[in-house]
Amino acid sequence: MTVLPVDVFWFVTGSLVGTLVGLVAAVRVAGSWHRRVAIALACAHIGGVLGVTLFPLPLGGLEPFRVPYSTVQLVPLGTIDLLLNGSQSARQLGGNLLLLAPMGVLVPIAWRAARPWHRTMAWGLLVSLLIELAQLALNVAGLSYRVVDIDDLLLNVAGVAVGRLLFALGWPIWRAVQGPR
């Protein structure tokens, strides 16, 4: 599967909408400039994520999934195993791993209360779960062009963990470079 222009369109559209929301939110919060930038970037990121995970709606002829895929897959590691034996493994696995990784960095910068590992991970789990539930709702509505997959959830949360690890390594360096307040 290749990246189609329509995929890029929905990612860019979602990111632009998210950026506008983020800029409005960033102007309204108190705090340092890097917190405001992180809020704007986090909103842009979530907008782009929603753009690629929920759209395009199948109005232009997207076909529903066929065997071996179904619209709901709740067996942990089932899709990962299937993908490791197929040609789409790098794109699918890597894409799901990287999809929410920026949250692991941006959320703790934007919201101090989310700095502890467990809170950052909870945000990542919540966002990934909401995406999967939205895809399930679309499937129930008859728009079965997305797979609701427990492995997506696992890989998304693992990506948040990778991002949070990068934050844990980079934040002390950032603070040292910034110097005392």
Foldseek 3Di string as FASTA:
>chain_A
DDDDPQLVVLLQVQLVVLLVVLQVVLVPDDDDPQLSVLSSNVSSLLRSLCSNLPDDQCPPPQDADDPPADQEAEDPCPVQVVLVPDDCNCVVLVCLLQSQLQLLASVCSNDVVQLDPVSSLVVQLVSQVVSLVSSVVCVVVVRRRHHNYVNSSVSSSNSSVVSNVVNVVCVVVVDVVVDDD
